[in-house]
Amino acid sequence: MNGTLEVYSQKTAELAACGHRLASCGQYEQALEYFTEAIKYNPKEYKLFGNRSFCYERLQQYESALQDSEVALSLEPGWIKGHFRQGKALCGLKRYYEASLTYKNILRQESSSVEAASELKRAQSLHLMEMGFSWTEACEALKEHGTLEEALEALFIGGAEPVTDLMPLKPKRGSPSSHAHPDPRRPELCPRPPVEGCCRDTKTQLVKEEEEVEEEDEEERGEEDEGWTVLGRSRPHQARRRNAAPLKPVTEAPVRNAPKWEMYSVWVGSMAPTLTIPALHNLFNRAGHVTSVKMLVEQQCAFINYTRMEDCDRAIQLMDGLVVEGTPLAVRYPNRFLNEMNGQDGYPLPASKNLKECFFWRTNGCIKTVGCIFKHIPEHKHIDRDKLRP
């Protein structure tokens, strides 16, 4: 029995070593096969799953990368590198909010981790880009504000226009601007902080930091250097960026004398999970011209943007408490407007002094005993309930 275990252990080490060499040369598909074979001989070695997750992530097979990272963490919950693998896979799947939570978990364990802070900022920036903002706007907002929620509120209320509303600038082929801004969705093309202990051989594109199968006395010493880090690709881009002429950000208006529209927003909460952006756009278009809709899926809320303050007032009067997809909507001003208008925390006062009487109070009863912006006249409770019966 002991002889069989020794043979399996030796076979695992040989296969893992071959996988290391292939991955270091960028041959991820072949490395994947070796790590898979090694797992067959030792299915409880968490680092093998972590390395295979790395290969899947490089091959853009993010679902498989996420599964392997979760297996690795189930075998070794405190493995920091496994959380990094999980975060990279979630970013690849465009599940940026979950990726941000993963990197925050790493920072709770290692508050001084520069790499975790960098990856957290990247995930949050990609989250904002998915909502329509540019990479520059997202980075500046996150740099100025402490959290994603504060940065998002500043972008909406500050009147930042989504990049999708503008014509993209297409640099000429071969021009310096074509290399000035690497794609933020491809981390291997973006500058990364140097990893301590990495070999800096310029001939190799990928650097192996730590062998997976190692002795116990070496494991603690090399724990921080596990996996591979792309170094070669980022250097040419950094050199080009230093030599390239500065490129104006895409958020600047490509058409001269383009009008600058002021934007006013209302916050919509208590939304049904089935509610979509087009449905919100059509619904709130009844109150005025909607310029854009920004939905936060994780928070189950949205921001509706108008060009006139009167449209915001009308939207709050008409839509607050309206039942859509079986759920009554909550329509308010954003918190920043609230604090400026009321001088206190909580929801804002209604936009108009001439409040309408609450429709639900007069029929089946309003579920908002506190906070409804419409009138609740005690004598009129359920007065119109019979009118709703067939």
Protein backbone atom coordinates (compact mmCIF):
# COMPACT_ATOMS: atom_id res chain seq x y z
CA MET A 1 0.00 0.00 0.00
CA ASN A 2 2.79 2.39 0.92
CA GLY A 3 4.56 1.47 -2.30
CA THR A 4 1.49 2.40 -4.33
CA LEU A 5 1.20 5.78 -2.61
CA GLU A 6 4.86 6.47 -3.27
CA VAL A 7 4.44 5.62 -6.96
CA TYR A 8 1.37 7.88 -7.19
CA SER A 9 3.22 10.71 -5.46
CA GLN A 10 6.18 10.41 -7.82
CA LYS A 11 3.91 10.27 -10.86
CA THR A 12 2.04 13.36 -9.67
CA ALA A 13 5.29 15.26 -9.24
CA GLU A 14 6.50 14.33 -12.73
CA LEU A 15 3.23 15.32 -14.40
CA ALA A 16 3.02 18.58 -12.44
CA ALA A 17 6.60 19.46 -13.41
CA CYS A 18 5.78 18.93 -17.09
CA GLY A 19 2.71 21.11 -16.68
CA HIS A 20 4.85 23.85 -15.14
CA ARG A 21 7.31 23.85 -18.02
CA LEU A 22 4.59 23.95 -20.66
CA ALA A 23 2.65 26.72 -18.92
CA SER A 24 5.85 28.74 -18.52
CA CYS A 25 6.19 28.63 -22.32
CA GLY A 26 2.58 29.66 -22.86
CA GLN A 27 1.45 26.20 -24.01
CA TYR A 28 -1.62 26.17 -21.82
CA GLU A 29 -3.58 23.47 -23.64
CA GLN A 30 -0.78 20.94 -23.26
CA ALA A 31 -0.18 22.03 -19.66
CA LEU A 32 -3.87 21.50 -19.01
CA GLU A 33 -3.60 17.86 -20.00
CA TYR A 34 -0.68 17.23 -17.67
CA PHE A 35 -2.37 18.89 -14.70
CA THR A 36 -5.51 16.85 -15.40
CA GLU A 37 -3.49 13.64 -15.38
CA ALA A 38 -1.74 14.69 -12.18
CA ILE A 39 -5.10 15.29 -10.51
CA LYS A 40 -6.10 11.71 -11.29
CA TYR A 41 -3.19 10.46 -9.20
CA ASN A 42 -3.70 12.98 -6.38
CA PRO A 43 -7.21 14.49 -6.41
CA LYS A 44 -6.72 16.10 -2.99
CA GLU A 45 -3.82 18.37 -3.99
CA TYR A 46 -5.39 21.84 -4.07
CA LYS A 47 -2.49 23.45 -5.92
CA LEU A 48 -3.06 21.23 -8.94
CA PHE A 49 -6.59 22.58 -9.24
CA GLY A 50 -5.26 26.11 -8.79
CA ASN A 51 -2.75 25.65 -11.61
CA ARG A 52 -5.34 24.11 -13.89
CA SER A 53 -7.65 27.03 -13.12
CA PHE A 54 -4.83 29.34 -14.20
CA CYS A 55 -4.54 27.51 -17.53
CA TYR A 56 -8.30 27.60 -18.08
CA GLU A 57 -8.31 31.34 -17.37
CA ARG A 58 -5.54 31.94 -19.91
CA LEU A 59 -7.50 29.94 -22.47
CA GLN A 60 -10.57 32.09 -21.65
CA GLN A 61 -12.51 29.06 -20.43
CA TYR A 62 -13.75 30.97 -17.43
CA GLU A 63 -16.48 28.58 -16.27
CA SER A 64 -13.96 25.76 -15.93
CA ALA A 65 -11.48 28.14 -14.30
CA LEU A 66 -14.08 29.12 -11.71
CA GLN A 67 -14.98 25.50 -10.97
CA ASP A 68 -11.35 24.52 -10.39
CA SER A 69 -10.73 27.54 -8.17
CA GLU A 70 -13.76 26.62 -6.06
CA VAL A 71 -12.52 23.03 -5.75
CA ALA A 72 -9.11 24.30 -4.67
CA LEU A 73 -10.69 26.53 -2.03
CA SER A 74 -12.89 23.70 -0.79
CA LEU A 75 -9.73 21.66 -0.21
CA GLU A 76 -7.81 24.59 1.30
CA PRO A 77 -10.17 27.46 2.27
CA GLY A 78 -7.40 29.77 3.44
CA TRP A 79 -5.34 29.58 0.24
CA ILE A 80 -4.88 33.18 -0.89
CA LYS A 81 -3.78 32.26 -4.41
CA GLY A 82 -6.99 30.26 -4.79
CA HIS A 83 -9.02 33.40 -4.09
CA PHE A 84 -7.02 35.21 -6.77
CA ARG A 85 -7.83 32.41 -9.23
CA GLN A 86 -11.50 32.74 -8.30
CA GLY A 87 -11.47 36.50 -8.78
CA LYS A 88 -9.83 36.25 -12.22
CA ALA A 89 -12.40 33.69 -13.34
CA LEU A 90 -15.30 35.83 -12.11
CA CYS A 91 -13.91 38.84 -13.98
CA GLY A 92 -13.69 36.73 -17.12
CA LEU A 93 -17.36 35.85 -16.70
CA LYS A 94 -18.13 39.58 -16.24
CA ARG A 95 -19.37 38.92 -12.72
CA TYR A 96 -17.49 41.95 -11.52
CA TYR A 97 -19.43 42.50 -8.30
CA GLU A 98 -18.65 38.97 -7.07
CA ALA A 99 -15.03 39.40 -8.13
CA SER A 100 -14.84 42.60 -6.07
CA LEU A 101 -16.14 40.75 -3.02
CA THR A 102 -13.48 38.08 -3.56
CA TYR A 103 -10.66 40.64 -3.65
CA LYS A 104 -12.09 42.41 -0.60
CA ASN A 105 -11.96 39.09 1.21
CA ILE A 106 -8.27 38.80 0.30
CA LEU A 107 -7.61 42.31 1.63
CA ARG A 108 -9.32 41.42 4.89
CA GLN A 109 -6.80 38.61 5.29
CA GLU A 110 -3.81 40.50 3.86
CA SER A 111 -4.45 44.23 4.07
CA SER A 112 -1.03 45.04 2.60
CA SER A 113 -1.53 43.04 -0.61
CA VAL A 114 -0.80 45.43 -3.47
CA GLU A 115 -1.92 42.89 -6.06
CA ALA A 116 -5.31 42.39 -4.39
CA ALA A 117 -5.89 46.16 -4.21
CA SER A 118 -4.95 46.49 -7.89
CA GLU A 119 -7.25 43.65 -8.95
CA LEU A 120 -10.09 45.08 -6.85
CA LYS A 121 -9.77 48.42 -8.60
CA ARG A 122 -9.68 46.70 -11.98
CA ALA A 123 -12.82 44.66 -11.24
CA GLN A 124 -14.70 47.75 -10.03
CA SER A 125 -13.55 49.76 -13.05
CA LEU A 126 -14.78 47.03 -15.40
CA HIS A 127 -18.07 47.02 -13.48
CA LEU A 128 -18.48 50.75 -14.17
CA MET A 129 -17.43 50.31 -17.80
CA GLU A 130 -20.17 47.72 -18.25
CA MET A 131 -22.64 50.44 -17.22
CA GLY A 132 -21.41 52.65 -20.06
CA PHE A 133 -18.64 54.78 -18.55
CA SER A 134 -15.13 55.01 -19.94
CA TRP A 135 -12.07 53.44 -18.33
CA THR A 136 -10.72 56.91 -17.50
CA GLU A 137 -13.96 58.03 -15.84
CA ALA A 138 -14.20 54.83 -13.84
CA CYS A 139 -10.61 54.99 -12.58
CA GLU A 140 -10.85 58.66 -11.62
CA ALA A 141 -14.15 58.16 -9.79
CA LEU A 142 -12.81 55.18 -7.83
CA LYS A 143 -9.64 57.10 -7.02
CA GLU A 144 -11.60 60.04 -5.65
CA HIS A 145 -14.27 58.06 -3.80
CA GLY A 146 -13.76 55.23 -1.38
CA THR A 147 -16.37 52.72 -2.53
CA LEU A 148 -17.99 51.59 -5.76
CA GLU A 149 -21.37 52.92 -4.63
CA GLU A 150 -19.99 56.41 -3.94
CA ALA A 151 -18.12 56.45 -7.26
CA LEU A 152 -21.25 55.37 -9.12
CA GLU A 153 -23.36 58.04 -7.45
CA ALA A 154 -20.77 60.69 -8.30
CA LEU A 155 -20.70 59.61 -11.95
CA PHE A 156 -24.48 59.70 -12.28
CA ILE A 157 -25.07 62.94 -10.42
CA GLY A 158 -21.97 64.57 -11.89
CA GLY A 159 -23.48 64.24 -15.35
CA ALA A 160 -20.89 61.90 -16.85
CA GLU A 161 -22.06 60.65 -20.23
CA PRO A 162 -21.66 56.99 -21.19
CA VAL A 163 -19.09 56.24 -23.87
CA THR A 164 -21.71 54.36 -25.86
CA ASP A 165 -23.48 57.65 -26.57
CA LEU A 166 -20.46 59.02 -28.42
CA MET A 167 -18.75 58.08 -31.65
CA PRO A 168 -15.56 56.12 -30.90
CA LEU A 169 -12.25 57.48 -32.08
CA LYS A 170 -10.50 55.06 -34.42
CA PRO A 171 -6.73 55.65 -34.56
CA LYS A 172 -4.96 55.02 -37.81
CA ARG A 173 -3.19 51.75 -38.21
CA GLY A 174 0.38 51.96 -37.02
CA SER A 175 -0.10 55.26 -35.23
CA PRO A 176 1.23 55.64 -31.67
CA SER A 177 -2.29 56.04 -30.32
CA SER A 178 -3.12 52.49 -31.30
CA HIS A 179 -0.88 51.31 -28.47
CA ALA A 180 -1.48 54.14 -26.03
CA HIS A 181 -4.21 52.46 -24.02
CA PRO A 182 -4.06 48.69 -23.51
CA ASP A 183 -7.34 46.85 -23.17
CA PRO A 184 -8.26 46.89 -19.45
CA ARG A 185 -10.16 43.63 -19.84
CA ARG A 186 -6.89 41.84 -20.64
CA PRO A 187 -4.77 42.02 -17.50
CA GLU A 188 -1.73 40.60 -19.26
CA LEU A 189 -1.59 43.75 -21.40
CA CYS A 190 -1.89 46.14 -18.46
CA PRO A 191 1.01 47.19 -16.22
CA ARG A 192 1.26 45.03 -13.12
CA PRO A 193 3.26 45.51 -9.94
CA PRO A 194 6.38 43.33 -9.90
CA VAL A 195 6.05 40.11 -7.95
CA GLU A 196 8.75 39.53 -5.38
CA GLY A 197 10.96 36.58 -6.14
CA CYS A 198 10.23 36.41 -9.88
CA CYS A 199 12.98 35.68 -12.36
CA ARG A 200 13.34 38.51 -14.86
CA ASP A 201 14.72 36.69 -17.84
CA THR A 202 13.68 38.79 -20.84
CA LYS A 203 13.78 35.80 -23.17
CA THR A 204 10.93 34.02 -21.41
CA GLN A 205 7.45 35.46 -21.62
CA LEU A 206 6.02 33.66 -18.61
CA VAL A 207 7.88 33.14 -15.35
CA LYS A 208 7.26 30.18 -13.07
CA GLU A 209 7.34 31.28 -9.48
CA GLU A 210 6.97 28.11 -7.43
CA GLU A 211 6.87 24.35 -7.96
CA GLU A 212 3.53 22.79 -6.98
CA VAL A 213 5.03 19.66 -5.38
CA GLU A 214 7.58 20.70 -2.81
CA GLU A 215 8.88 19.87 0.63
CA GLU A 216 7.09 21.23 3.70
CA ASP A 217 10.03 23.39 4.77
CA GLU A 218 10.03 25.11 1.35
CA GLU A 219 6.27 25.55 1.12
CA GLU A 220 6.00 28.37 3.66
CA ARG A 221 8.93 30.20 2.11
CA GLY A 222 7.47 30.14 -1.40
CA GLU A 223 3.77 30.46 -0.70
CA GLU A 224 3.56 34.00 -2.02
CA ASP A 225 5.31 33.10 -5.28
CA GLU A 226 2.99 30.40 -6.57
CA GLY A 227 1.53 30.47 -10.07
CA TRP A 228 2.77 32.40 -13.06
CA THR A 229 2.83 36.11 -13.78
CA VAL A 230 2.88 37.64 -17.25
CA LEU A 231 5.79 40.05 -17.51
CA GLY A 232 6.94 40.08 -21.11
CA ARG A 233 3.78 41.41 -22.69
CA SER A 234 3.41 44.46 -20.51
CA ARG A 235 6.86 45.91 -21.23
CA PRO A 236 6.45 46.70 -24.95
CA HIS A 237 3.17 48.46 -24.22
CA GLN A 238 4.71 50.49 -21.42
CA ALA A 239 7.54 51.53 -23.73
CA ARG A 240 5.09 52.53 -26.44
CA ARG A 241 3.04 54.50 -23.95
CA ARG A 242 6.09 56.52 -22.94
CA ASN A 243 6.91 57.34 -26.56
CA ALA A 244 3.37 57.79 -27.79
CA ALA A 245 1.70 61.16 -28.17
CA PRO A 246 -1.01 61.76 -25.55
CA LEU A 247 -4.40 60.59 -26.74
CA LYS A 248 -7.48 62.55 -25.75
CA PRO A 249 -9.92 60.43 -23.77
CA VAL A 250 -12.93 59.13 -25.65
CA THR A 251 -15.24 60.96 -23.27
CA GLU A 252 -14.36 64.30 -24.86
CA ALA A 253 -16.95 65.27 -27.43
CA PRO A 254 -15.79 64.18 -30.89
CA VAL A 255 -18.04 66.79 -32.51
CA ARG A 256 -17.16 70.44 -32.04
CA ASN A 257 -19.62 72.70 -30.29
CA ALA A 258 -21.64 69.70 -29.12
CA PRO A 259 -24.31 70.79 -26.61
CA LYS A 260 -23.68 69.98 -22.95
CA TRP A 261 -26.83 68.58 -21.40
CA GLU A 262 -27.52 68.75 -17.71
CA MET A 263 -28.72 65.48 -16.27
CA TYR A 264 -31.13 64.93 -13.40
CA SER A 265 -31.70 61.51 -11.89
CA VAL A 266 -34.26 59.63 -9.87
CA TRP A 267 -33.51 56.47 -7.94
CA VAL A 268 -35.78 53.45 -8.41
CA GLY A 269 -35.77 50.66 -5.84
CA SER A 270 -37.77 47.59 -4.84
CA MET A 271 -37.67 46.31 -8.39
CA ALA A 272 -38.77 42.85 -9.44
CA PRO A 273 -35.91 40.64 -10.68
CA THR A 274 -37.65 40.24 -14.05
CA LEU A 275 -37.75 43.99 -14.74
CA THR A 276 -35.54 44.98 -17.69
CA ILE A 277 -33.90 48.22 -18.82
CA PRO A 278 -36.18 48.62 -21.90
CA ALA A 279 -39.23 48.14 -19.68
CA LEU A 280 -37.98 50.82 -17.27
CA HIS A 281 -37.23 53.15 -20.17
CA ASN A 282 -40.72 52.80 -21.62
CA LEU A 283 -42.35 53.15 -18.21
CA PHE A 284 -40.52 56.30 -17.09
CA ASN A 285 -40.75 57.87 -20.54
CA ARG A 286 -44.33 58.69 -19.58
CA ALA A 287 -43.03 61.33 -17.17
CA GLY A 288 -40.62 62.92 -19.67
CA HIS A 289 -37.83 62.20 -22.10
CA VAL A 290 -35.49 59.59 -20.60
CA THR A 291 -31.88 60.06 -21.69
CA SER A 292 -30.51 56.86 -20.16
CA VAL A 293 -31.21 54.11 -17.66
CA LYS A 294 -28.53 52.60 -15.43
CA MET A 295 -29.47 49.39 -13.63
CA LEU A 296 -27.62 47.89 -10.66
CA VAL A 297 -28.60 44.24 -10.81
CA GLU A 298 -27.00 43.22 -7.52
CA GLN A 299 -28.70 46.02 -5.57
CA GLN A 300 -32.01 45.59 -7.47
CA CYS A 301 -32.23 49.30 -8.16
CA ALA A 302 -31.75 51.71 -11.06
CA PHE A 303 -31.13 55.35 -11.92
CA ILE A 304 -33.39 57.05 -14.46
CA ASN A 305 -31.79 60.10 -16.06
CA TYR A 306 -33.72 63.09 -17.40
CA THR A 307 -32.65 66.45 -18.83
CA ARG A 308 -35.23 68.44 -16.87
CA MET A 309 -35.89 68.59 -13.15
CA GLU A 310 -39.62 68.82 -13.82
CA ASP A 311 -39.54 65.36 -15.36
CA CYS A 312 -37.98 63.98 -12.17
CA ASP A 313 -40.74 65.57 -10.11
CA ARG A 314 -43.39 64.07 -12.38
CA ALA A 315 -41.76 60.63 -12.32
CA ILE A 316 -41.77 60.57 -8.52
CA GLN A 317 -45.42 61.61 -8.39
CA LEU A 318 -46.57 59.11 -11.02
CA MET A 319 -44.35 56.09 -10.47
CA ASP A 320 -43.73 55.84 -6.73
CA GLY A 321 -45.80 52.95 -5.43
CA LEU A 322 -46.78 51.78 -8.92
CA VAL A 323 -46.99 47.98 -9.03
CA VAL A 324 -44.80 46.60 -11.83
CA GLU A 325 -44.23 42.87 -12.28
CA GLY A 326 -46.06 42.29 -9.00
CA THR A 327 -43.85 44.63 -6.95
CA PRO A 328 -44.55 48.28 -5.99
CA LEU A 329 -41.73 50.57 -7.09
CA ALA A 330 -39.98 53.00 -4.76
CA VAL A 331 -39.01 56.17 -6.63
CA ARG A 332 -36.90 58.80 -4.86
CA TYR A 333 -34.24 61.38 -5.46
CA PRO A 334 -30.68 60.09 -5.05
CA ASN A 335 -29.30 60.51 -1.52
CA ARG A 336 -26.98 63.34 -2.47
CA PHE A 337 -29.88 65.42 -3.77
CA LEU A 338 -31.79 64.51 -0.65
CA ASN A 339 -29.14 65.82 1.73
CA GLU A 340 -28.83 69.07 -0.20
CA MET A 341 -32.59 69.63 -0.43
CA ASN A 342 -33.68 68.56 3.05
CA GLY A 343 -30.51 69.05 5.07
CA GLN A 344 -31.02 65.67 6.74
CA ASP A 345 -30.74 61.96 6.10
CA GLY A 346 -33.59 59.83 4.81
CA TYR A 347 -35.80 60.08 1.77
CA PRO A 348 -36.49 63.49 0.18
CA LEU A 349 -39.64 65.46 0.45
CA PRO A 350 -42.02 65.29 -2.49
CA ALA A 351 -41.19 67.44 -5.48
CA SER A 352 -44.49 69.32 -5.50
CA LYS A 353 -46.37 71.00 -2.68
CA ASN A 354 -49.70 69.96 -4.17
CA LEU A 355 -49.57 66.29 -3.24
CA LYS A 356 -51.90 63.83 -4.85
CA GLU A 357 -53.90 61.44 -2.75
CA CYS A 358 -52.51 57.91 -2.56
CA PHE A 359 -54.30 55.60 -4.97
CA PHE A 360 -53.48 52.50 -2.95
CA TRP A 361 -54.67 54.10 0.29
CA ARG A 362 -58.06 54.70 -1.31
CA THR A 363 -58.31 51.15 -2.74
CA ASN A 364 -56.65 48.07 -1.24
CA GLY A 365 -54.44 49.87 1.26
CA CYS A 366 -50.94 51.30 0.97
CA ILE A 367 -48.10 49.04 2.12
CA LYS A 368 -45.97 52.09 2.94
CA THR A 369 -47.23 53.10 6.34
CA VAL A 370 -44.15 55.33 6.65
CA GLY A 371 -42.46 57.15 3.80
CA CYS A 372 -45.23 57.35 1.19
CA ILE A 373 -45.01 60.66 -0.66
CA PHE A 374 -48.76 60.82 -1.37
CA LYS A 375 -51.55 61.89 0.94
CA HIS A 376 -53.12 59.38 3.34
CA ILE A 377 -56.47 60.83 4.42
CA PRO A 378 -57.86 58.60 7.20
CA GLU A 379 -61.48 59.12 6.11
CA HIS A 380 -60.69 57.95 2.56
CA LYS A 381 -59.08 54.61 3.43
CA HIS A 382 -60.56 51.85 1.19
CA ILE A 383 -63.15 54.30 -0.11
CA ASP A 384 -62.61 53.22 -3.73
CA ARG A 385 -62.06 49.51 -3.07
CA ASP A 386 -65.43 48.53 -4.56
CA LYS A 387 -64.54 50.28 -7.82
CA LEU A 388 -61.77 47.76 -8.47
CA ARG A 389 -64.07 44.76 -8.22
CA PRO A 390 -65.30 43.31 -11.52
